[in-house]
Amino acid sequence: MGQDEAARLAEPKAVPNEAQNVLEETLSPTEALTAAMPAPPEAEDVDPLLVREERRRRVAAAQDEELRWSNIRAILRGEDASLGYKAARDAWKMADRSE
């Protein structure tokens, strides 16, 4: 093994470039971490139509869940005559699963 080869093997494999050195010297560890993480979306970045659609979808899902729970309560109280066939059947299935 020659001296040139020994010197090459002794050198570190990853040599940081100047940009990395400057970044590490100017930023504290927490600043460097936050600089590497993507920023959360700003109010201007969000499409109002998408927000409205998502809000309506969530409200509809919550209303469906409330209706299911009220149907289950009606079944358990013996008030199943006020429910339609399908609603009563679904509520009975849910009530049977929870026992």
N, C-alpha and C. Protein backbone atom coordinates (compact mmCIF):
# COMPACT_ATOMS: atom_id res chain seq x y z
N MET A 1 0.86 -1.15 0.00
CA MET A 1 0.00 0.00 0.00
C MET A 1 0.91 1.22 0.00
N GLY A 2 0.70 2.10 -0.99
CA GLY A 2 1.53 3.29 -1.10
C GLY A 2 1.05 4.42 -0.20
N GLN A 3 1.87 5.45 -0.10
CA GLN A 3 1.53 6.58 0.76
C GLN A 3 0.30 7.32 0.26
N ASP A 4 0.13 7.43 -1.06
CA ASP A 4 -1.03 8.13 -1.62
C ASP A 4 -2.33 7.40 -1.27
N GLU A 5 -2.29 6.08 -1.37
CA GLU A 5 -3.48 5.29 -1.06
C GLU A 5 -3.79 5.35 0.43
N ALA A 6 -2.79 5.33 1.28
CA ALA A 6 -3.00 5.42 2.72
C ALA A 6 -3.58 6.78 3.10
N ALA A 7 -3.12 7.84 2.46
CA ALA A 7 -3.64 9.18 2.73
C ALA A 7 -5.09 9.30 2.28
N ARG A 8 -5.41 8.67 1.15
CA ARG A 8 -6.78 8.71 0.63
C ARG A 8 -7.73 7.98 1.57
N LEU A 9 -7.31 6.85 2.11
CA LEU A 9 -8.16 6.09 3.02
C LEU A 9 -8.31 6.77 4.38
N ALA A 10 -7.34 7.56 4.78
CA ALA A 10 -7.40 8.24 6.07
C ALA A 10 -8.33 9.45 6.04
N GLU A 11 -8.63 9.99 4.85
CA GLU A 11 -9.50 11.15 4.75
C GLU A 11 -10.94 10.75 5.08
N PRO A 12 -11.69 11.66 5.68
CA PRO A 12 -13.10 11.36 5.96
C PRO A 12 -13.88 11.20 4.66
N LYS A 13 -14.87 10.33 4.70
CA LYS A 13 -15.65 10.04 3.50
C LYS A 13 -16.56 11.20 3.11
N ALA A 14 -17.28 11.76 4.08
CA ALA A 14 -18.22 12.85 3.79
C ALA A 14 -17.60 14.17 4.20
N VAL A 15 -17.32 14.97 3.23
CA VAL A 15 -16.74 16.29 3.49
C VAL A 15 -17.84 17.32 3.30
N PRO A 16 -18.21 18.06 4.35
CA PRO A 16 -19.28 19.05 4.19
C PRO A 16 -18.82 20.19 3.30
N ASN A 17 -19.75 20.69 2.51
CA ASN A 17 -19.40 21.81 1.64
C ASN A 17 -19.54 23.12 2.41
N GLU A 18 -19.17 24.21 1.77
CA GLU A 18 -19.16 25.51 2.45
C GLU A 18 -20.56 25.94 2.86
N ALA A 19 -21.57 25.64 2.04
CA ALA A 19 -22.94 26.06 2.37
C ALA A 19 -23.41 25.39 3.66
N GLN A 20 -23.08 24.13 3.85
CA GLN A 20 -23.46 23.44 5.09
C GLN A 20 -22.74 24.05 6.28
N ASN A 21 -21.47 24.37 6.12
CA ASN A 21 -20.71 24.97 7.22
C ASN A 21 -21.29 26.32 7.61
N VAL A 22 -21.64 27.14 6.63
CA VAL A 22 -22.20 28.46 6.91
C VAL A 22 -23.53 28.32 7.62
N LEU A 23 -24.37 27.39 7.17
CA LEU A 23 -25.67 27.16 7.78
C LEU A 23 -25.51 26.73 9.23
N GLU A 24 -24.59 25.81 9.49
CA GLU A 24 -24.37 25.33 10.85
C GLU A 24 -23.81 26.41 11.76
N GLU A 25 -22.97 27.29 11.21
CA GLU A 25 -22.37 28.33 12.03
C GLU A 25 -23.35 29.44 12.37
N THR A 26 -24.29 29.75 11.47
CA THR A 26 -25.18 30.89 11.68
C THR A 26 -26.45 30.53 12.44
N LEU A 27 -26.88 29.28 12.43
CA LEU A 27 -28.13 28.89 13.07
C LEU A 27 -27.88 28.08 14.33
N SER A 28 -28.73 28.31 15.32
CA SER A 28 -28.67 27.48 16.52
C SER A 28 -29.28 26.12 16.17
N PRO A 29 -29.11 25.11 17.01
CA PRO A 29 -29.67 23.78 16.69
C PRO A 29 -31.19 23.80 16.49
N THR A 30 -31.92 24.55 17.30
CA THR A 30 -33.37 24.59 17.11
C THR A 30 -33.75 25.33 15.85
N GLU A 31 -33.01 26.39 15.52
CA GLU A 31 -33.29 27.11 14.28
C GLU A 31 -32.97 26.24 13.07
N ALA A 32 -31.91 25.47 13.14
CA ALA A 32 -31.55 24.58 12.03
C ALA A 32 -32.63 23.52 11.84
N LEU A 33 -33.19 23.02 12.96
CA LEU A 33 -34.24 22.01 12.87
C LEU A 33 -35.50 22.59 12.25
N THR A 34 -35.90 23.78 12.69
CA THR A 34 -37.10 24.39 12.13
C THR A 34 -36.88 24.83 10.69
N ALA A 35 -35.66 25.16 10.31
CA ALA A 35 -35.38 25.52 8.92
C ALA A 35 -35.52 24.31 8.01
N ALA A 36 -35.25 23.12 8.54
CA ALA A 36 -35.34 21.91 7.73
C ALA A 36 -36.78 21.42 7.59
N MET A 37 -37.67 21.82 8.51
CA MET A 37 -39.06 21.36 8.48
C MET A 37 -39.88 22.28 7.60
N PRO A 38 -40.87 21.73 6.87
CA PRO A 38 -41.71 22.58 6.03
C PRO A 38 -42.63 23.44 6.90
N ALA A 39 -42.94 24.61 6.41
CA ALA A 39 -43.80 25.54 7.14
C ALA A 39 -45.26 25.11 7.01
N PRO A 40 -46.07 25.34 8.04
CA PRO A 40 -47.50 25.02 7.92
C PRO A 40 -48.16 25.97 6.92
N PRO A 41 -49.27 25.55 6.34
CA PRO A 41 -49.92 26.41 5.35
C PRO A 41 -50.44 27.69 5.98
N GLU A 42 -50.33 28.76 5.26
CA GLU A 42 -50.85 30.05 5.71
C GLU A 42 -52.31 30.17 5.29
N ALA A 43 -53.01 31.15 5.80
CA ALA A 43 -54.41 31.36 5.46
C ALA A 43 -54.58 31.64 3.97
N GLU A 44 -53.60 32.30 3.37
CA GLU A 44 -53.70 32.62 1.95
C GLU A 44 -53.49 31.38 1.08
N ASP A 45 -52.82 30.36 1.61
CA ASP A 45 -52.52 29.16 0.84
C ASP A 45 -53.70 28.20 0.74
N VAL A 46 -54.70 28.36 1.59
CA VAL A 46 -55.81 27.41 1.67
C VAL A 46 -56.96 27.91 0.80
N ASP A 47 -57.50 27.00 -0.01
CA ASP A 47 -58.62 27.33 -0.88
C ASP A 47 -59.91 27.35 -0.07
N PRO A 48 -60.65 28.46 -0.05
CA PRO A 48 -61.88 28.53 0.75
C PRO A 48 -62.93 27.51 0.32
N LEU A 49 -62.98 27.17 -0.96
CA LEU A 49 -63.96 26.19 -1.41
C LEU A 49 -63.65 24.80 -0.85
N LEU A 50 -62.37 24.45 -0.78
CA LEU A 50 -62.00 23.16 -0.20
C LEU A 50 -62.32 23.13 1.29
N VAL A 51 -62.11 24.24 1.96
CA VAL A 51 -62.42 24.31 3.39
C VAL A 51 -63.92 24.13 3.60
N ARG A 52 -64.72 24.79 2.78
CA ARG A 52 -66.18 24.69 2.90
C ARG A 52 -66.64 23.26 2.64
N GLU A 53 -66.10 22.61 1.60
CA GLU A 53 -66.48 21.23 1.31
C GLU A 53 -66.12 20.29 2.46
N GLU A 54 -64.92 20.46 3.01
CA GLU A 54 -64.48 19.61 4.11
C GLU A 54 -65.35 19.84 5.35
N ARG A 55 -65.69 21.09 5.62
CA ARG A 55 -66.53 21.40 6.77
C ARG A 55 -67.91 20.76 6.60
N ARG A 56 -68.49 20.87 5.40
CA ARG A 56 -69.81 20.27 5.15
C ARG A 56 -69.75 18.75 5.27
N ARG A 57 -68.66 18.15 4.78
CA ARG A 57 -68.52 16.70 4.88
C ARG A 57 -68.47 16.27 6.34
N ARG A 58 -67.71 17.00 7.15
CA ARG A 58 -67.60 16.66 8.57
C ARG A 58 -68.91 16.86 9.31
N VAL A 59 -69.64 17.92 8.98
CA VAL A 59 -70.94 18.16 9.62
C VAL A 59 -71.90 17.04 9.25
N ALA A 60 -71.93 16.65 7.98
CA ALA A 60 -72.82 15.57 7.55
C ALA A 60 -72.48 14.26 8.25
N ALA A 61 -71.19 13.97 8.39
CA ALA A 61 -70.78 12.74 9.08
C ALA A 61 -71.20 12.78 10.54
N ALA A 62 -71.06 13.93 11.18
CA ALA A 62 -71.45 14.05 12.59
C ALA A 62 -72.96 13.91 12.74
N GLN A 63 -73.73 14.47 11.82
CA GLN A 63 -75.18 14.35 11.89
C GLN A 63 -75.63 12.91 11.68
N ASP A 64 -74.97 12.20 10.75
CA ASP A 64 -75.29 10.79 10.54
C ASP A 64 -75.02 9.97 11.80
N GLU A 65 -73.90 10.26 12.45
CA GLU A 65 -73.56 9.53 13.67
C GLU A 65 -74.55 9.84 14.78
N GLU A 66 -74.96 11.09 14.91
CA GLU A 66 -75.96 11.45 15.92
C GLU A 66 -77.27 10.73 15.66
N LEU A 67 -77.67 10.63 14.40
CA LEU A 67 -78.90 9.93 14.05
C LEU A 67 -78.80 8.45 14.42
N ARG A 68 -77.64 7.84 14.14
CA ARG A 68 -77.46 6.43 14.52
C ARG A 68 -77.60 6.25 16.03
N TRP A 69 -76.97 7.14 16.81
CA TRP A 69 -77.05 7.02 18.26
C TRP A 69 -78.48 7.23 18.76
N SER A 70 -79.20 8.18 18.17
CA SER A 70 -80.58 8.40 18.62
C SER A 70 -81.45 7.20 18.27
N ASN A 71 -81.19 6.56 17.12
CA ASN A 71 -81.93 5.35 16.77
C ASN A 71 -81.62 4.21 17.73
N ILE A 72 -80.37 4.07 18.12
CA ILE A 72 -80.01 3.01 19.08
C ILE A 72 -80.67 3.28 20.42
N ARG A 73 -80.69 4.53 20.87
CA ARG A 73 -81.37 4.87 22.13
C ARG A 73 -82.85 4.54 22.05
N ALA A 74 -83.47 4.85 20.91
CA ALA A 74 -84.90 4.55 20.74
C ALA A 74 -85.15 3.05 20.82
N ILE A 75 -84.29 2.26 20.20
CA ILE A 75 -84.43 0.80 20.23
C ILE A 75 -84.30 0.30 21.67
N LEU A 76 -83.29 0.77 22.36
CA LEU A 76 -83.05 0.29 23.73
C LEU A 76 -84.15 0.72 24.69
N ARG A 77 -84.83 1.82 24.41
CA ARG A 77 -85.94 2.28 25.25
C ARG A 77 -87.26 1.63 24.86
N GLY A 78 -87.27 0.86 23.78
CA GLY A 78 -88.48 0.20 23.34
C GLY A 78 -89.36 1.08 22.46
N GLU A 79 -88.80 2.13 21.92
CA GLU A 79 -89.56 3.06 21.08
C GLU A 79 -89.30 2.78 19.60
N ASP A 80 -89.14 1.52 19.24
CA ASP A 80 -88.78 1.17 17.87
C ASP A 80 -89.94 1.31 16.90
N ALA A 81 -91.17 1.47 17.37
CA ALA A 81 -92.31 1.64 16.47
C ALA A 81 -92.23 2.96 15.70
N SER A 82 -91.52 3.93 16.26
CA SER A 82 -91.42 5.23 15.60
C SER A 82 -90.37 5.23 14.48
N LEU A 83 -89.56 4.19 14.41
CA LEU A 83 -88.50 4.12 13.40
C LEU A 83 -88.98 3.35 12.18
N GLY A 84 -88.39 3.64 11.05
CA GLY A 84 -88.66 2.87 9.85
C GLY A 84 -87.99 1.51 9.95
N TYR A 85 -88.32 0.62 9.00
CA TYR A 85 -87.80 -0.74 9.04
C TYR A 85 -86.28 -0.76 8.99
N LYS A 86 -85.70 -0.07 8.01
CA LYS A 86 -84.25 -0.10 7.82
C LYS A 86 -83.52 0.54 9.00
N ALA A 87 -84.01 1.68 9.47
CA ALA A 87 -83.38 2.35 10.61
C ALA A 87 -83.44 1.47 11.85
N ALA A 88 -84.59 0.82 12.06
CA ALA A 88 -84.73 -0.06 13.23
C ALA A 88 -83.81 -1.27 13.10
N ARG A 89 -83.75 -1.85 11.91
CA ARG A 89 -82.89 -3.02 11.69
C ARG A 89 -81.42 -2.67 11.94
N ASP A 90 -80.96 -1.54 11.40
CA ASP A 90 -79.57 -1.12 11.61
C ASP A 90 -79.30 -0.84 13.08
N ALA A 91 -80.25 -0.22 13.76
CA ALA A 91 -80.07 0.08 15.18
C ALA A 91 -80.03 -1.21 16.00
N TRP A 92 -80.88 -2.18 15.65
CA TRP A 92 -80.85 -3.46 16.37
C TRP A 92 -79.51 -4.16 16.17
N LYS A 93 -78.97 -4.10 14.96
CA LYS A 93 -77.67 -4.71 14.70
C LYS A 93 -76.58 -4.06 15.55
N MET A 94 -76.58 -2.74 15.60
CA MET A 94 -75.57 -2.03 16.40
C MET A 94 -75.75 -2.34 17.89
N ALA A 95 -76.99 -2.40 18.34
CA ALA A 95 -77.25 -2.70 19.76
C ALA A 95 -76.80 -4.11 20.09
N ASP A 96 -77.03 -5.06 19.18
CA ASP A 96 -76.60 -6.44 19.42
C ASP A 96 -75.08 -6.56 19.46
N ARG A 97 -74.39 -5.79 18.64
CA ARG A 97 -72.92 -5.84 18.62
C ARG A 97 -72.32 -5.29 19.89
N SER A 98 -72.99 -4.32 20.50
CA SER A 98 -72.41 -3.66 21.68
C SER A 98 -72.65 -4.44 22.97
N GLU A 99 -73.48 -5.44 22.95
CA GLU A 99 -73.77 -6.21 24.17
C GLU A 99 -72.70 -7.21 24.47
